[in-house]
Amino acid sequence: MATTTPGVSAPASGSLKKPVLIVVGGIALYFAYRYTFHYFRWTEESYGYYWAFRLPLIFHVSGGLIALLVGVFQLWSGTNAQGMAAHPLSGRVYVAAVLLGSLASMILAVQSAAYGFAWVVGLLCLAAAWFATTAMALLCIRSRNIQAHRQWMTRSYIVTFAFVLFRISTDYLPAEAWWGIPADQMAVAMIWPVWVVPLLTYDLYLQHRGA
């Protein structure tokens, strides 16, 4: 996914980037442990309501988990010469994981419809954004547009990380207890800002920087 043009080396990462990625990686590991590992037990108790949709769910979880963890390395190695040797391979793994996870999530959204039509639309748009941002990152590196590739890869991981932000917002912002909002309405509402707001913030940052 991420080969470089001859004579072009990855720049040194900014002083803030590594600490941020360390924090993001730590949160990703906690998310994986807290929310995903139980699905690999393959029992009806582990899946609950989603047992009837276990095949698309396990593909979605597997793809998302790989993308979440590999994506941290991908962002770090993309701006660090020491990691560039493994960067193309990990990039291919990341793209394959997003492809698997996004397509499975589209199937899951339509089949399960846990919170109704608005929930389905939100999930489909999230999956489409996940697929599209990753596809753009791939197309940019294939055309040797390194700067655009980095920007689209960052957008892709922002969408990947949306699943983590969604869990944080629904589990640690108890809307029903605080404001009397039912859990299903909270989920339908939060499925949008967890990726739209970070993407908007990142693009505003790029515009401010003049990138």
C-alpha atoms as a PDB file:
ATOM      1  CA  MET A   1       0.000   0.000   0.000  1.00  0.00           C
ATOM      2  CA  ALA A   2       2.650   2.444   0.931  1.00  0.00           C
ATOM      3  CA  THR A   3       5.737   2.239  -1.201  1.00  0.00           C
ATOM      4  CA  THR A   4       7.756   5.393  -1.670  1.00  0.00           C
ATOM      5  CA  THR A   5       9.174   6.916  -4.776  1.00  0.00           C
ATOM      6  CA  PRO A   6      12.903   6.569  -5.391  1.00  0.00           C
ATOM      7  CA  GLY A   7      14.840   9.197  -3.519  1.00  0.00           C
ATOM      8  CA  VAL A   8      11.900  10.082  -1.290  1.00  0.00           C
ATOM      9  CA  SER A   9      12.280   9.071   2.324  1.00  0.00           C
ATOM     10  CA  ALA A  10       9.797   9.379   5.122  1.00  0.00           C
ATOM     11  CA  PRO A  11      10.285  12.579   7.117  1.00  0.00           C
ATOM     12  CA  ALA A  12      10.943  12.484  10.797  1.00  0.00           C
ATOM     13  CA  SER A  13       7.746  12.442  12.791  1.00  0.00           C
ATOM     14  CA  GLY A  14       6.729  15.548  14.677  1.00  0.00           C
ATOM     15  CA  SER A  15       7.476  15.832  18.368  1.00  0.00           C
ATOM     16  CA  LEU A  16       3.788  15.379  19.159  1.00  0.00           C
ATOM     17  CA  LYS A  17       2.989  12.497  16.831  1.00  0.00           C
ATOM     18  CA  LYS A  18       4.661   9.600  18.636  1.00  0.00           C
ATOM     19  CA  PRO A  19       3.113  10.365  22.059  1.00  0.00           C
ATOM     20  CA  VAL A  20      -0.299  10.743  20.411  1.00  0.00           C
ATOM     21  CA  LEU A  21       0.063   7.410  18.618  1.00  0.00           C
ATOM     22  CA  ILE A  22       1.193   5.741  21.836  1.00  0.00           C
ATOM     23  CA  VAL A  23      -1.961   6.971  23.561  1.00  0.00           C
ATOM     24  CA  VAL A  24      -4.123   5.959  20.591  1.00  0.00           C
ATOM     25  CA  GLY A  25      -2.471   2.537  20.520  1.00  0.00           C
ATOM     26  CA  GLY A  26      -3.073   2.050  24.234  1.00  0.00           C
ATOM     27  CA  ILE A  27      -6.749   2.943  23.861  1.00  0.00           C
ATOM     28  CA  ALA A  28      -7.019   0.612  20.858  1.00  0.00           C
ATOM     29  CA  LEU A  29      -5.572  -2.285  22.872  1.00  0.00           C
ATOM     30  CA  TYR A  30      -7.972  -1.615  25.733  1.00  0.00           C
ATOM     31  CA  PHE A  31     -10.895  -1.469  23.289  1.00  0.00           C
ATOM     32  CA  ALA A  32      -9.831  -4.772  21.732  1.00  0.00           C
ATOM     33  CA  TYR A  33      -9.616  -6.455  25.135  1.00  0.00           C
ATOM     34  CA  ARG A  34     -12.815  -4.935  26.520  1.00  0.00           C
ATOM     35  CA  TYR A  35     -15.140  -5.167  23.535  1.00  0.00           C
ATOM     36  CA  THR A  36     -13.961  -7.636  20.895  1.00  0.00           C
ATOM     37  CA  PHE A  37     -12.240 -10.711  22.328  1.00  0.00           C
ATOM     38  CA  HIS A  38     -15.439 -12.298  23.657  1.00  0.00           C
ATOM     39  CA  TYR A  39     -16.756 -12.643  20.097  1.00  0.00           C
ATOM     40  CA  PHE A  40     -14.061 -15.209  19.380  1.00  0.00           C
ATOM     41  CA  ARG A  41     -15.612 -17.619  21.886  1.00  0.00           C
ATOM     42  CA  TRP A  42     -18.271 -18.386  19.257  1.00  0.00           C
ATOM     43  CA  THR A  43     -21.141 -19.030  21.668  1.00  0.00           C
ATOM     44  CA  GLU A  44     -24.670 -17.682  21.733  1.00  0.00           C
ATOM     45  CA  GLU A  45     -23.994 -16.253  25.179  1.00  0.00           C
ATOM     46  CA  SER A  46     -21.098 -14.177  23.820  1.00  0.00           C
ATOM     47  CA  TYR A  47     -23.102 -12.802  20.898  1.00  0.00           C
ATOM     48  CA  GLY A  48     -26.497 -12.275  22.495  1.00  0.00           C
ATOM     49  CA  TYR A  49     -28.880 -10.555  20.054  1.00  0.00           C
ATOM     50  CA  TYR A  50     -26.284 -10.799  17.263  1.00  0.00           C
ATOM     51  CA  TRP A  51     -26.012 -14.610  17.367  1.00  0.00           C
ATOM     52  CA  ALA A  52     -28.340 -14.787  14.367  1.00  0.00           C
ATOM     53  CA  PHE A  53     -25.941 -12.475  12.499  1.00  0.00           C
ATOM     54  CA  ARG A  54     -22.717 -14.004  13.802  1.00  0.00           C
ATOM     55  CA  LEU A  55     -21.014 -14.535  10.438  1.00  0.00           C
ATOM     56  CA  PRO A  56     -21.075 -10.913   9.207  1.00  0.00           C
ATOM     57  CA  LEU A  57     -20.372  -9.749  12.765  1.00  0.00           C
ATOM     58  CA  ILE A  58     -17.241 -11.865  13.235  1.00  0.00           C
ATOM     59  CA  PHE A  59     -15.932 -10.733   9.833  1.00  0.00           C
ATOM     60  CA  HIS A  60     -16.643  -7.123  10.772  1.00  0.00           C
ATOM     61  CA  VAL A  61     -15.029  -7.483  14.189  1.00  0.00           C
ATOM     62  CA  SER A  62     -11.992  -9.283  12.766  1.00  0.00           C
ATOM     63  CA  GLY A  63     -11.447  -6.735  10.013  1.00  0.00           C
ATOM     64  CA  GLY A  64     -12.002  -3.802  12.329  1.00  0.00           C
ATOM     65  CA  LEU A  65      -9.715  -5.194  15.016  1.00  0.00           C
ATOM     66  CA  ILE A  66      -6.858  -5.806  12.572  1.00  0.00           C
ATOM     67  CA  ALA A  67      -7.294  -2.358  11.013  1.00  0.00           C
ATOM     68  CA  LEU A  68      -7.443  -0.694  14.418  1.00  0.00           C
ATOM     69  CA  LEU A  69      -4.180  -2.239  15.621  1.00  0.00           C
ATOM     70  CA  VAL A  70      -2.243  -2.330  12.338  1.00  0.00           C
ATOM     71  CA  GLY A  71      -3.329   1.233  11.546  1.00  0.00           C
ATOM     72  CA  VAL A  72      -1.363   2.617  14.494  1.00  0.00           C
ATOM     73  CA  PHE A  73       1.828   1.068  13.156  1.00  0.00           C
ATOM     74  CA  GLN A  74       0.932   2.213   9.652  1.00  0.00           C
ATOM     75  CA  LEU A  75       0.662   5.860  10.698  1.00  0.00           C
ATOM     76  CA  TRP A  76       3.856   5.673  12.736  1.00  0.00           C
ATOM     77  CA  SER A  77       5.926   3.890  10.098  1.00  0.00           C
ATOM     78  CA  GLY A  78       4.696   6.227   7.363  1.00  0.00           C
ATOM     79  CA  THR A  79       6.697   9.077   8.854  1.00  0.00           C
ATOM     80  CA  ASN A  80       9.563   7.104  10.352  1.00  0.00           C
ATOM     81  CA  ALA A  81      12.361   5.777   8.162  1.00  0.00           C
ATOM     82  CA  GLN A  82      13.022   2.882  10.561  1.00  0.00           C
ATOM     83  CA  GLY A  83       9.563   1.457   9.941  1.00  0.00           C
ATOM     84  CA  MET A  84       9.372   1.921   6.184  1.00  0.00           C
ATOM     85  CA  ALA A  85      10.643  -1.581   5.370  1.00  0.00           C
ATOM     86  CA  ALA A  86       7.473  -3.144   6.803  1.00  0.00           C
ATOM     87  CA  HIS A  87       5.179  -0.314   5.742  1.00  0.00           C
ATOM     88  CA  PRO A  88       4.082  -1.716   2.351  1.00  0.00           C
ATOM     89  CA  LEU A  89       3.180  -5.115   3.812  1.00  0.00           C
ATOM     90  CA  SER A  90       1.313  -3.692   6.795  1.00  0.00           C
ATOM     91  CA  GLY A  91      -0.468  -1.342   4.398  1.00  0.00           C
ATOM     92  CA  ARG A  92      -1.778  -4.263   2.375  1.00  0.00           C
ATOM     93  CA  VAL A  93      -2.938  -5.950   5.571  1.00  0.00           C
ATOM     94  CA  TYR A  94      -4.691  -2.749   6.626  1.00  0.00           C
ATOM     95  CA  VAL A  95      -6.478  -2.338   3.285  1.00  0.00           C
ATOM     96  CA  ALA A  96      -7.599  -5.986   3.292  1.00  0.00           C
ATOM     97  CA  ALA A  97      -8.871  -5.622   6.857  1.00  0.00           C
ATOM     98  CA  VAL A  98     -10.866  -2.487   6.031  1.00  0.00           C
ATOM     99  CA  LEU A  99     -12.321  -4.136   2.933  1.00  0.00           C
ATOM    100  CA  LEU A 100     -13.430  -7.136   4.997  1.00  0.00           C
ATOM    101  CA  GLY A 101     -14.712  -5.052   7.891  1.00  0.00           C
ATOM    102  CA  SER A 102     -16.572  -2.444   5.853  1.00  0.00           C
ATOM    103  CA  LEU A 103     -18.340  -4.915   3.550  1.00  0.00           C
ATOM    104  CA  ALA A 104     -19.306  -7.104   6.506  1.00  0.00           C
ATOM    105  CA  SER A 105     -20.612  -4.072   8.395  1.00  0.00           C
ATOM    106  CA  MET A 106     -22.852  -3.139   5.465  1.00  0.00           C
ATOM    107  CA  ILE A 107     -24.347  -6.631   5.455  1.00  0.00           C
ATOM    108  CA  LEU A 108     -24.683  -6.582   9.230  1.00  0.00           C
ATOM    109  CA  ALA A 109     -26.374  -3.176   9.234  1.00  0.00           C
ATOM    110  CA  VAL A 110     -29.046  -4.283   6.786  1.00  0.00           C
ATOM    111  CA  GLN A 111     -29.607  -7.702   8.363  1.00  0.00           C
ATOM    112  CA  SER A 112     -29.666  -6.762  12.040  1.00  0.00           C
ATOM    113  CA  ALA A 113     -31.255  -3.260  12.015  1.00  0.00           C
ATOM    114  CA  ALA A 114     -30.942  -3.240  15.797  1.00  0.00           C
ATOM    115  CA  TYR A 115     -32.211   0.329  16.266  1.00  0.00           C
ATOM    116  CA  GLY A 116     -34.338   0.829  13.183  1.00  0.00           C
ATOM    117  CA  PHE A 117     -33.946   2.544   9.825  1.00  0.00           C
ATOM    118  CA  ALA A 118     -32.000   5.583  11.068  1.00  0.00           C
ATOM    119  CA  TRP A 119     -29.446   3.234  12.625  1.00  0.00           C
ATOM    120  CA  VAL A 120     -29.063   1.332   9.350  1.00  0.00           C
ATOM    121  CA  VAL A 121     -28.473   4.572   7.412  1.00  0.00           C
ATOM    122  CA  GLY A 122     -25.889   5.749   9.933  1.00  0.00           C
ATOM    123  CA  LEU A 123     -23.972   2.477   9.810  1.00  0.00           C
ATOM    124  CA  LEU A 124     -24.057   2.306   6.016  1.00  0.00           C
ATOM    125  CA  CYS A 125     -22.686   5.845   5.739  1.00  0.00           C
ATOM    126  CA  LEU A 126     -19.952   5.046   8.258  1.00  0.00           C
ATOM    127  CA  ALA A 127     -19.013   1.891   6.355  1.00  0.00           C
ATOM    128  CA  ALA A 128     -19.003   3.810   3.056  1.00  0.00           C
ATOM    129  CA  ALA A 129     -16.721   6.486   4.546  1.00  0.00           C
ATOM    130  CA  TRP A 130     -14.413   3.778   5.910  1.00  0.00           C
ATOM    131  CA  PHE A 131     -14.168   2.104   2.506  1.00  0.00           C
ATOM    132  CA  ALA A 132     -13.858   5.350   0.522  1.00  0.00           C
ATOM    133  CA  THR A 133     -11.134   6.992   2.631  1.00  0.00           C
ATOM    134  CA  THR A 134      -9.063   3.806   2.526  1.00  0.00           C
ATOM    135  CA  ALA A 135      -9.571   3.439  -1.222  1.00  0.00           C
ATOM    136  CA  MET A 136      -8.384   7.025  -1.728  1.00  0.00           C
ATOM    137  CA  ALA A 137      -5.256   6.338   0.347  1.00  0.00           C
ATOM    138  CA  LEU A 138      -4.546   3.315  -1.832  1.00  0.00           C
ATOM    139  CA  LEU A 139      -5.133   5.191  -5.099  1.00  0.00           C
ATOM    140  CA  CYS A 140      -2.888   8.049  -3.996  1.00  0.00           C
ATOM    141  CA  ILE A 141       0.052   5.802  -3.142  1.00  0.00           C
ATOM    142  CA  ARG A 142      -0.352   3.889  -6.408  1.00  0.00           C
ATOM    143  CA  SER A 143      -0.006   7.223  -8.232  1.00  0.00           C
ATOM    144  CA  ARG A 144       2.994   8.092  -5.996  1.00  0.00           C
ATOM    145  CA  ASN A 145       1.234  11.080  -4.394  1.00  0.00           C
ATOM    146  CA  ILE A 146       2.875  10.671  -0.994  1.00  0.00           C
ATOM    147  CA  GLN A 147       1.414  13.733   0.718  1.00  0.00           C
ATOM    148  CA  ALA A 148      -2.148  12.971  -0.347  1.00  0.00           C
ATOM    149  CA  HIS A 149      -1.640   9.327   0.644  1.00  0.00           C
ATOM    150  CA  ARG A 150      -0.650  10.328   4.181  1.00  0.00           C
ATOM    151  CA  GLN A 151      -3.652  12.619   4.482  1.00  0.00           C
ATOM    152  CA  TRP A 152      -6.130  10.013   3.227  1.00  0.00           C
ATOM    153  CA  MET A 153      -4.541   7.334   5.407  1.00  0.00           C
ATOM    154  CA  THR A 154      -5.061   9.589   8.406  1.00  0.00           C
ATOM    155  CA  ARG A 155      -8.691  10.097   7.398  1.00  0.00           C
ATOM    156  CA  SER A 156      -9.088   6.346   7.022  1.00  0.00           C
ATOM    157  CA  TYR A 157      -7.767   5.690  10.514  1.00  0.00           C
ATOM    158  CA  ILE A 158      -9.977   8.430  11.939  1.00  0.00           C
ATOM    159  CA  VAL A 159     -12.957   6.477  10.587  1.00  0.00           C
ATOM    160  CA  THR A 160     -11.479   3.210  11.889  1.00  0.00           C
ATOM    161  CA  PHE A 161     -11.149   4.779  15.339  1.00  0.00           C
ATOM    162  CA  ALA A 162     -14.781   5.938  15.203  1.00  0.00           C
ATOM    163  CA  PHE A 163     -15.811   2.535  16.538  1.00  0.00           C
ATOM    164  CA  VAL A 164     -13.741   3.212  19.653  1.00  0.00           C
ATOM    165  CA  LEU A 165     -15.190   6.696  20.092  1.00  0.00           C
ATOM    166  CA  PHE A 166     -18.686   5.285  19.681  1.00  0.00           C
ATOM    167  CA  ARG A 167     -18.162   2.865  22.556  1.00  0.00           C
ATOM    168  CA  ILE A 168     -16.681   5.606  24.719  1.00  0.00           C
ATOM    169  CA  SER A 169     -19.614   7.921  24.011  1.00  0.00           C
ATOM    170  CA  THR A 170     -22.293   5.310  24.671  1.00  0.00           C
ATOM    171  CA  ASP A 171     -20.665   3.600  27.670  1.00  0.00           C
ATOM    172  CA  TYR A 172     -19.091   6.525  29.495  1.00  0.00           C
ATOM    173  CA  LEU A 173     -21.675   9.209  28.687  1.00  0.00           C
ATOM    174  CA  PRO A 174     -24.769   7.580  30.212  1.00  0.00           C
ATOM    175  CA  ALA A 175     -27.390   9.595  28.371  1.00  0.00           C
ATOM    176  CA  GLU A 176     -30.318   7.768  29.937  1.00  0.00           C
ATOM    177  CA  ALA A 177     -29.071   8.470  33.455  1.00  0.00           C
ATOM    178  CA  TRP A 178     -27.983  12.047  32.746  1.00  0.00           C
ATOM    179  CA  TRP A 179     -30.632  13.339  30.369  1.00  0.00           C
ATOM    180  CA  GLY A 180     -33.296  10.654  30.178  1.00  0.00           C
ATOM    181  CA  ILE A 181     -32.388   9.712  26.590  1.00  0.00           C
ATOM    182  CA  PRO A 182     -32.950   5.998  25.811  1.00  0.00           C
ATOM    183  CA  ALA A 183     -29.859   3.997  24.884  1.00  0.00           C
ATOM    184  CA  ASP A 184     -31.103   3.272  21.360  1.00  0.00           C
ATOM    185  CA  GLN A 185     -31.623   6.983  20.614  1.00  0.00           C
ATOM    186  CA  MET A 186     -28.169   7.751  22.005  1.00  0.00           C
ATOM    187  CA  ALA A 187     -26.630   5.107  19.719  1.00  0.00           C
ATOM    188  CA  VAL A 188     -28.442   6.394  16.624  1.00  0.00           C
ATOM    189  CA  ALA A 189     -27.352   9.954  17.398  1.00  0.00           C
ATOM    190  CA  MET A 190     -23.716   9.212  18.239  1.00  0.00           C
ATOM    191  CA  ILE A 191     -22.997   7.026  15.207  1.00  0.00           C
ATOM    192  CA  TRP A 192     -22.572  10.259  13.210  1.00  0.00           C
ATOM    193  CA  PRO A 193     -20.397  12.670  15.273  1.00  0.00           C
ATOM    194  CA  VAL A 194     -17.842   9.987  16.197  1.00  0.00           C
ATOM    195  CA  TRP A 195     -16.472  10.155  12.649  1.00  0.00           C
ATOM    196  CA  VAL A 196     -17.889  13.319  11.084  1.00  0.00           C
ATOM    197  CA  VAL A 197     -16.523  15.665  13.774  1.00  0.00           C
ATOM    198  CA  PRO A 198     -12.969  14.204  13.807  1.00  0.00           C
ATOM    199  CA  LEU A 199     -12.827  14.237   9.993  1.00  0.00           C
ATOM    200  CA  LEU A 200     -14.022  17.839   9.885  1.00  0.00           C
ATOM    201  CA  THR A 201     -11.505  18.812  12.562  1.00  0.00           C
ATOM    202  CA  TYR A 202      -8.662  17.160  10.655  1.00  0.00           C
ATOM    203  CA  ASP A 203      -9.556  18.889   7.395  1.00  0.00           C
ATOM    204  CA  LEU A 204      -9.858  22.250   9.142  1.00  0.00           C
ATOM    205  CA  TYR A 205      -6.387  21.612  10.543  1.00  0.00           C
ATOM    206  CA  LEU A 206      -5.050  20.868   7.054  1.00  0.00           C
ATOM    207  CA  GLN A 207      -6.607  24.030   5.672  1.00  0.00           C
ATOM    208  CA  HIS A 208      -5.159  26.091   8.517  1.00  0.00           C
ATOM    209  CA  ARG A 209      -1.737  24.552   7.914  1.00  0.00           C
ATOM    210  CA  GLY A 210      -2.061  25.168   4.193  1.00  0.00           C
ATOM    211  CA  ALA A 211      -1.535  21.508   3.301  1.00  0.00           C
END
